[in-house]
Amino acid sequence: MKNLKTEQNRVSLAKNWLVNSGIQSKDGGFYAWLDLDSQAPAFLYSEITGYAITTLLFLNRLSADPVLIQRAQAAADWLLQKALHPCGGFKARLYQDDINADPLYSFSSENIFSFDTGMALYGLVNLYKQNKQEKLLAICEKCADFLIDKMQNPDGSFNSIYNAKTKVNINPQDKWSSQPGSFHAKIALSLADLFEITDKIKYKQAAIKICEFALSKQDASGRFITDNTTQTTHLHPHAYSIEGLVYAGAVFKIERFILQAEKAAQWMFKHVDKNGVNDIYDPKSAKFSHFQRSDILAQALRLGLIFSQDKTGLLKTRLENYQLSEGFLYNLQERHLNSWCSMFALQALALEENPSLIAENKKVELFI
């Protein structure tokens, strides 16, 4: 591993990996990860390509570079040309052998995940702020209208999946990401920004409704119940829930959202130990599993900085252990450099280096 002396070095190295490693395909889409041994990429991923647009724009904010804007545009072009379904949502994962891939996620299944679509939308809305292309704004509105009209329920929750072939919403209960959950609150980022651009009240109302639903999944301790069957809390979607609430709270000046987000962050930090934080909390045993991931460490660090929690220094040190030369490992057991982990991590380290990127109202522009 290289000697990485400063946080800025680490951010610059991660930036270099995102731009030059091949994690972005020639068509512009971003792969989920690169295998260290074979150098083979995983599937192309719409959710992550959405994150990538926001990441590239965030890096450009730190230090203007036309290459970053060009790469963000290329990522958007891939989403619009390869992943966008005529219904207005984004297909999830493009495998090298898509026909024989996991049918829940493959492009050929035409399953549209509301969360993936929301993250792709947020990247595109941020790109519109940069380039002011009216055609792009029209696509963003079509996407947001699809999410609200086809996938959001009267209680504010989002159905997890819309199958564009059958035109039916489905919600498998075997995993947190395929259930209507509090984590869908992060879709509020795209809806809130689109409201600020268009002043169309339906986007504000939809964003507030999903945040209200998220709060219905928060127990008295502050934790979000992220699995309806086991009643467990997975810290990855727990953090997504916080991110959506604090962002919407800042944009719409709803203090209750920010206070409940902070309560959830406090619960999370209560469970940080000398090794960082593990991923899944089981209320039956009142214990966490012993599996650690760099994306969760980065999310925890960002939230700790936003809410001025202690133990951020410990989390930063732990997160640094996952950076291998330039990109970030998903965990310390698997040998692959992970795209979204690297994006979350570089933003967390940049916020630690420059706290002024966090506004007084807790909002972080270009929140990845």
Protein backbone atom coordinates (compact mmCIF):
# COMPACT_ATOMS: atom_id res chain seq x y z
CA MET A 1 0.00 0.00 0.00
CA LYS A 2 1.25 3.49 -0.83
CA ASN A 3 2.16 5.91 1.91
CA LEU A 4 -0.87 8.17 1.99
CA LYS A 5 0.10 11.19 4.05
CA THR A 6 -2.97 13.42 3.98
CA GLU A 7 -6.70 13.21 3.52
CA GLN A 8 -6.38 15.37 0.40
CA ASN A 9 -3.90 12.85 -0.99
CA ARG A 10 -6.42 10.13 -0.34
CA VAL A 11 -9.21 12.05 -2.06
CA SER A 12 -6.96 12.79 -5.05
CA LEU A 13 -5.92 9.16 -5.34
CA ALA A 14 -9.52 7.99 -5.19
CA LYS A 15 -10.38 10.57 -7.85
CA ASN A 16 -7.58 9.24 -10.05
CA TRP A 17 -8.89 5.70 -9.64
CA LEU A 18 -12.43 6.70 -10.64
CA VAL A 19 -11.19 8.50 -13.73
CA ASN A 20 -8.34 6.25 -14.91
CA SER A 21 -8.81 2.70 -13.63
CA GLY A 22 -11.47 1.53 -16.08
CA ILE A 23 -14.18 1.45 -13.41
CA GLN A 24 -16.05 3.70 -15.85
CA SER A 25 -16.77 1.81 -19.05
CA LYS A 26 -16.01 3.18 -22.49
CA ASP A 27 -19.76 3.72 -22.91
CA GLY A 28 -19.82 5.86 -19.75
CA GLY A 29 -21.54 3.55 -17.25
CA PHE A 30 -19.86 2.60 -14.00
CA TYR A 31 -19.08 -0.94 -12.94
CA ALA A 32 -19.84 -2.04 -9.39
CA TRP A 33 -16.25 -3.14 -8.78
CA LEU A 34 -12.97 -4.36 -10.31
CA ASP A 35 -11.47 -7.69 -9.25
CA LEU A 36 -7.89 -7.20 -8.07
CA ASP A 37 -6.63 -10.54 -9.33
CA SER A 38 -8.27 -10.81 -12.74
CA GLN A 39 -8.80 -7.06 -13.25
CA ALA A 40 -12.23 -8.09 -14.56
CA PRO A 41 -15.09 -5.66 -13.94
CA ALA A 42 -18.44 -6.64 -12.44
CA PHE A 43 -21.80 -5.60 -13.92
CA LEU A 44 -22.65 -2.04 -14.96
CA TYR A 45 -24.96 -0.48 -12.41
CA SER A 46 -27.47 2.34 -12.84
CA GLU A 47 -27.62 3.27 -9.15
CA ILE A 48 -23.85 3.55 -8.98
CA THR A 49 -23.65 5.49 -12.23
CA GLY A 50 -26.03 7.98 -10.64
CA TYR A 51 -23.73 8.24 -7.62
CA ALA A 52 -20.80 8.65 -10.01
CA ILE A 53 -22.32 11.71 -11.70
CA THR A 54 -22.77 13.34 -8.31
CA THR A 55 -19.25 12.30 -7.24
CA LEU A 56 -17.62 13.73 -10.36
CA LEU A 57 -19.49 17.00 -9.87
CA PHE A 58 -18.50 17.05 -6.19
CA LEU A 59 -14.84 16.56 -7.16
CA ASN A 60 -15.17 19.36 -9.71
CA ARG A 61 -16.47 21.58 -6.94
CA LEU A 62 -13.35 20.82 -4.91
CA SER A 63 -11.09 21.58 -7.88
CA ALA A 64 -12.50 22.52 -11.29
CA ASP A 65 -11.46 20.12 -14.03
CA PRO A 66 -13.22 19.85 -17.42
CA VAL A 67 -12.40 16.13 -17.55
CA LEU A 68 -14.68 15.57 -14.56
CA ILE A 69 -17.58 17.32 -16.31
CA GLN A 70 -16.93 15.30 -19.47
CA ARG A 71 -16.97 12.05 -17.47
CA ALA A 72 -20.17 13.07 -15.68
CA GLN A 73 -21.80 13.76 -19.07
CA ALA A 74 -20.62 10.38 -20.37
CA ALA A 75 -22.16 8.68 -17.32
CA ALA A 76 -25.43 10.52 -17.94
CA ASP A 77 -25.38 9.53 -21.61
CA TRP A 78 -25.04 5.86 -20.61
CA LEU A 79 -27.99 6.14 -18.24
CA LEU A 80 -30.16 7.81 -20.87
CA GLN A 81 -29.13 5.66 -23.82
CA LYS A 82 -28.68 2.25 -22.19
CA ALA A 83 -30.57 2.12 -18.87
CA LEU A 84 -33.60 4.40 -19.18
CA HIS A 85 -36.82 2.51 -19.83
CA PRO A 86 -39.63 4.18 -21.79
CA CYS A 87 -41.75 4.10 -18.62
CA GLY A 88 -39.42 6.66 -17.04
CA GLY A 89 -37.50 4.41 -14.65
CA PHE A 90 -34.01 2.98 -14.90
CA LYS A 91 -33.19 -0.69 -15.32
CA ALA A 92 -30.82 -1.92 -12.63
CA ARG A 93 -27.77 -3.94 -13.73
CA LEU A 94 -26.28 -4.71 -17.13
CA TYR A 95 -24.35 -7.96 -16.90
CA GLN A 96 -21.85 -9.11 -19.50
CA ASP A 97 -24.16 -12.10 -20.06
CA ASP A 98 -27.41 -10.40 -19.21
CA ILE A 99 -29.76 -13.14 -20.34
CA ASN A 100 -28.22 -15.61 -17.88
CA ALA A 101 -27.74 -13.10 -15.05
CA ASP A 102 -29.70 -12.72 -11.82
CA PRO A 103 -33.24 -12.17 -13.16
CA LEU A 104 -34.24 -9.89 -10.30
CA TYR A 105 -31.67 -7.29 -11.34
CA SER A 106 -30.83 -7.89 -14.99
CA PHE A 107 -31.74 -5.39 -17.70
CA SER A 108 -33.56 -8.16 -19.58
CA SER A 109 -36.03 -8.64 -16.71
CA GLU A 110 -37.10 -4.98 -16.94
CA ASN A 111 -37.39 -4.72 -13.16
CA ILE A 112 -37.20 -1.05 -12.18
CA PHE A 113 -36.02 -0.43 -8.60
CA SER A 114 -37.35 2.79 -7.11
CA PHE A 115 -34.16 3.39 -5.12
CA ASP A 116 -31.85 2.90 -8.10
CA THR A 117 -34.04 5.19 -10.17
CA GLY A 118 -33.98 7.83 -7.43
CA MET A 119 -30.18 7.79 -7.25
CA ALA A 120 -29.84 7.98 -11.03
CA LEU A 121 -32.31 10.86 -11.00
CA TYR A 122 -30.32 12.74 -8.35
CA GLY A 123 -27.19 12.52 -10.47
CA LEU A 124 -29.05 13.79 -13.52
CA VAL A 125 -30.67 16.65 -11.59
CA ASN A 126 -27.22 17.69 -10.37
CA LEU A 127 -25.90 17.57 -13.93
CA TYR A 128 -28.80 19.77 -15.05
CA LYS A 129 -27.75 22.34 -12.45
CA GLN A 130 -24.33 22.31 -14.13
CA ASN A 131 -25.31 22.41 -17.81
CA LYS A 132 -28.89 23.86 -17.79
CA GLN A 133 -29.98 21.64 -20.69
CA GLU A 134 -33.77 21.83 -20.86
CA LYS A 135 -34.00 18.43 -22.58
CA LEU A 136 -32.30 16.87 -19.55
CA LEU A 137 -34.68 18.62 -17.15
CA ALA A 138 -37.64 17.22 -19.10
CA ILE A 139 -36.23 13.70 -18.68
CA CYS A 140 -35.69 14.31 -14.96
CA GLU A 141 -39.32 15.36 -14.57
CA LYS A 142 -40.55 12.30 -16.48
CA CYS A 143 -38.47 10.09 -14.18
CA ALA A 144 -39.74 11.81 -11.03
CA ASP A 145 -43.34 11.64 -12.26
CA PHE A 146 -42.91 7.89 -12.86
CA LEU A 147 -41.62 7.39 -9.32
CA ILE A 148 -44.50 9.33 -7.79
CA ASP A 149 -47.33 8.14 -10.03
CA LYS A 150 -46.35 4.48 -10.44
CA MET A 151 -44.26 3.56 -7.41
CA GLN A 152 -45.22 5.71 -4.41
CA ASN A 153 -48.02 4.50 -2.15
CA PRO A 154 -50.63 6.67 -0.37
CA ASP A 155 -48.73 6.24 2.94
CA GLY A 156 -45.62 7.78 1.35
CA SER A 157 -43.66 4.55 1.00
CA PHE A 158 -42.20 3.44 -2.30
CA ASN A 159 -42.75 0.02 -3.78
CA SER A 160 -39.37 -1.54 -4.23
CA ILE A 161 -39.75 -2.84 -7.78
CA TYR A 162 -41.91 -2.07 -10.80
CA ASN A 163 -41.86 -4.69 -13.54
CA ALA A 164 -42.16 -2.80 -16.80
CA LYS A 165 -43.27 -5.93 -18.69
CA THR A 166 -46.27 -6.69 -16.48
CA LYS A 167 -46.75 -3.10 -15.23
CA VAL A 168 -47.06 -4.45 -11.68
CA ASN A 169 -45.25 -3.41 -8.49
CA ILE A 170 -43.58 -6.24 -6.56
CA ASN A 171 -42.00 -6.30 -3.12
CA PRO A 172 -40.08 -9.49 -2.30
CA GLN A 173 -39.50 -9.69 1.45
CA ASP A 174 -36.24 -11.65 1.44
CA LYS A 175 -33.90 -8.62 1.59
CA TRP A 176 -34.06 -5.06 2.93
CA SER A 177 -33.46 -3.61 -0.54
CA SER A 178 -36.51 -5.33 -2.03
CA GLN A 179 -39.00 -4.09 0.59
CA PRO A 180 -40.70 -0.73 0.98
CA GLY A 181 -38.46 0.79 3.63
CA SER A 182 -37.15 3.85 5.41
CA PHE A 183 -34.08 3.82 3.14
CA HIS A 184 -36.26 5.10 0.32
CA ALA A 185 -36.11 8.45 2.12
CA LYS A 186 -32.89 9.07 0.20
CA ILE A 187 -35.03 9.46 -2.93
CA ALA A 188 -36.05 12.75 -1.29
CA LEU A 189 -32.70 14.22 -2.36
CA SER A 190 -33.68 14.15 -6.03
CA LEU A 191 -37.27 15.24 -5.41
CA ALA A 192 -36.22 18.12 -3.16
CA ASP A 193 -33.73 19.44 -5.69
CA LEU A 194 -36.22 19.07 -8.51
CA PHE A 195 -38.76 21.06 -6.50
CA GLU A 196 -36.21 23.85 -6.00
CA ILE A 197 -35.62 23.93 -9.77
CA THR A 198 -39.23 23.67 -10.99
CA ASP A 199 -41.26 24.93 -8.01
CA LYS A 200 -43.72 22.07 -8.68
CA ILE A 201 -45.40 21.23 -5.39
CA LYS A 202 -45.89 17.52 -6.20
CA TYR A 203 -42.13 16.94 -5.83
CA LYS A 204 -42.04 18.61 -2.42
CA GLN A 205 -45.10 16.70 -1.25
CA ALA A 206 -43.69 13.36 -2.40
CA ALA A 207 -40.36 14.03 -0.69
CA ILE A 208 -42.05 14.93 2.59
CA LYS A 209 -44.34 11.90 2.40
CA ILE A 210 -41.47 9.41 2.04
CA CYS A 211 -39.69 11.05 4.97
CA GLU A 212 -42.82 10.77 7.10
CA PHE A 213 -43.07 7.09 6.17
CA ALA A 214 -39.41 6.60 7.12
CA LEU A 215 -40.12 8.01 10.57
CA SER A 216 -42.85 5.40 11.01
CA LYS A 217 -40.08 2.80 10.78
CA GLN A 218 -37.99 4.42 13.54
CA ASP A 219 -38.29 2.98 17.04
CA ALA A 220 -37.88 4.85 20.33
CA SER A 221 -34.14 4.17 20.49
CA GLY A 222 -33.57 6.01 17.22
CA ARG A 223 -32.84 3.01 15.03
CA PHE A 224 -34.67 2.36 11.79
CA ILE A 225 -36.13 -1.12 11.40
CA THR A 226 -34.84 -2.04 7.95
CA ASP A 227 -36.17 -5.60 7.62
CA ASN A 228 -39.89 -6.13 8.10
CA THR A 229 -39.52 -9.86 8.73
CA THR A 230 -36.62 -9.99 11.21
CA GLN A 231 -37.09 -6.48 12.68
CA THR A 232 -33.32 -6.04 12.38
CA THR A 233 -31.40 -2.90 11.49
CA HIS A 234 -28.86 -2.94 8.68
CA LEU A 235 -26.65 0.13 9.03
CA HIS A 236 -26.33 0.70 5.27
CA PRO A 237 -30.06 1.47 4.74
CA HIS A 238 -30.23 2.95 8.27
CA ALA A 239 -27.71 5.55 7.09
CA TYR A 240 -29.61 6.08 3.83
CA SER A 241 -32.68 6.88 5.92
CA ILE A 242 -30.76 9.48 7.91
CA GLU A 243 -29.28 11.00 4.76
CA GLY A 244 -32.69 11.52 3.20
CA LEU A 245 -34.21 12.99 6.34
CA VAL A 246 -31.44 15.47 7.05
CA TYR A 247 -31.32 16.62 3.42
CA ALA A 248 -35.08 17.08 3.11
CA GLY A 249 -35.17 18.69 6.53
CA ALA A 250 -32.58 21.23 5.44
CA VAL A 251 -34.21 22.01 2.07
CA PHE A 252 -37.76 22.30 3.42
CA LYS A 253 -36.80 23.72 6.83
CA ILE A 254 -38.49 20.86 8.70
CA GLU A 255 -36.61 20.74 11.99
CA ARG A 256 -38.30 17.52 13.11
CA PHE A 257 -36.71 15.62 10.23
CA ILE A 258 -33.27 16.87 11.22
CA LEU A 259 -33.79 16.10 14.91
CA GLN A 260 -34.95 12.54 14.20
CA ALA A 261 -32.07 12.05 11.80
CA GLU A 262 -29.69 13.15 14.52
CA LYS A 263 -31.32 10.75 16.98
CA ALA A 264 -30.73 7.92 14.50
CA ALA A 265 -27.12 9.00 14.05
CA GLN A 266 -26.63 9.08 17.83
CA TRP A 267 -27.92 5.50 18.05
CA MET A 268 -25.48 4.50 15.34
CA PHE A 269 -22.54 6.14 17.11
CA LYS A 270 -23.48 4.53 20.38
CA HIS A 271 -22.50 1.26 18.75
CA VAL A 272 -19.12 2.33 17.35
CA ASP A 273 -16.33 0.42 19.04
CA LYS A 274 -12.53 0.47 18.71
CA ASN A 275 -12.79 -1.41 15.40
CA GLY A 276 -15.40 0.86 13.87
CA VAL A 277 -18.96 -0.33 13.33
CA ASN A 278 -20.49 -3.60 12.17
CA ASP A 279 -23.37 -3.96 9.81
CA ILE A 280 -26.50 -5.67 11.21
CA TYR A 281 -28.12 -5.20 14.62
CA ASP A 282 -30.41 -7.93 15.93
CA PRO A 283 -32.79 -6.68 18.67
CA LYS A 284 -33.32 -10.24 19.95
CA SER A 285 -29.69 -10.58 20.99
CA ALA A 286 -29.04 -6.83 21.25
CA LYS A 287 -25.82 -7.48 19.32
CA PHE A 288 -24.27 -6.61 15.98
CA SER A 289 -22.86 -9.05 13.48
CA HIS A 290 -19.09 -8.90 13.03
CA PHE A 291 -19.00 -7.91 9.38
CA GLN A 292 -17.54 -4.54 8.44
CA ARG A 293 -17.81 -2.64 5.15
CA SER A 294 -16.11 0.51 3.98
CA ASP A 295 -19.33 2.02 2.59
CA ILE A 296 -20.93 1.88 6.05
CA LEU A 297 -17.78 3.27 7.67
CA ALA A 298 -17.82 6.16 5.18
CA GLN A 299 -21.54 6.79 5.73
CA ALA A 300 -21.00 6.80 9.50
CA LEU A 301 -18.08 9.21 9.17
CA ARG A 302 -20.11 11.61 7.02
CA LEU A 303 -23.01 11.56 9.47
CA GLY A 304 -20.66 11.97 12.41
CA LEU A 305 -19.21 15.09 10.80
CA ILE A 306 -22.66 16.47 9.96
CA PHE A 307 -23.92 15.98 13.53
CA SER A 308 -20.61 16.72 15.34
CA GLN A 309 -20.42 13.27 16.90
CA ASP A 310 -17.32 12.01 18.66
CA LYS A 311 -15.43 8.94 17.37
CA THR A 312 -15.11 10.44 13.87
CA GLY A 313 -11.33 10.26 14.20
CA LEU A 314 -11.57 6.56 14.96
CA LEU A 315 -13.85 5.98 11.97
CA LYS A 316 -11.54 7.93 9.67
CA THR A 317 -8.56 5.85 10.73
CA ARG A 318 -10.52 2.65 10.25
CA LEU A 319 -11.77 3.77 6.83
CA GLU A 320 -8.23 4.54 5.68
CA ASN A 321 -7.34 0.87 6.13
CA TYR A 322 -9.63 0.04 3.20
CA GLN A 323 -7.84 2.23 0.65
CA LEU A 324 -5.54 0.10 -1.45
CA SER A 325 -3.26 2.36 -3.48
CA GLU A 326 -6.17 4.43 -4.86
CA GLY A 327 -9.58 2.77 -4.70
CA PHE A 328 -11.32 1.41 -1.62
CA LEU A 329 -11.94 -2.23 -0.81
CA TYR A 330 -15.51 -3.27 -0.01
CA ASN A 331 -14.22 -5.26 2.94
CA LEU A 332 -10.88 -6.68 4.03
CA GLN A 333 -11.74 -10.24 3.02
CA GLU A 334 -12.70 -9.80 -0.64
CA ARG A 335 -10.16 -8.74 -3.24
CA HIS A 336 -12.04 -6.16 -5.22
CA LEU A 337 -11.95 -2.37 -5.39
CA ASN A 338 -15.47 -1.06 -5.09
CA SER A 339 -16.86 1.94 -6.94
CA TRP A 340 -19.55 3.19 -4.55
CA CYS A 341 -17.39 2.54 -1.50
CA SER A 342 -14.69 4.70 -3.08
CA MET A 343 -17.22 7.44 -3.84
CA PHE A 344 -18.66 7.49 -0.30
CA ALA A 345 -15.18 7.34 1.22
CA LEU A 346 -13.68 10.18 -0.79
CA GLN A 347 -16.57 12.44 0.16
CA ALA A 348 -16.30 11.52 3.83
CA LEU A 349 -12.58 12.31 3.84
CA ALA A 350 -13.14 15.56 1.92
CA LEU A 351 -15.74 16.68 4.46
CA GLU A 352 -13.35 15.85 7.29
CA GLU A 353 -10.65 17.91 5.58
CA ASN A 354 -12.99 20.83 4.83
CA PRO A 355 -15.89 21.10 7.32
CA SER A 356 -17.17 24.24 5.56
CA LEU A 357 -18.65 21.91 2.94
CA ILE A 358 -21.28 21.16 5.58
CA ALA A 359 -23.74 24.06 5.80
CA GLU A 360 -25.06 25.36 9.12
CA ASN A 361 -28.43 23.75 8.37
CA LYS A 362 -26.63 20.36 8.03
CA LYS A 363 -27.03 20.24 4.25
CA VAL A 364 -24.22 18.89 2.08
CA GLU A 365 -24.47 19.94 -1.55
CA LEU A 366 -23.89 17.08 -4.00
CA PHE A 367 -24.46 14.48 -1.31
CA ILE A 368 -23.31 11.15 -2.71
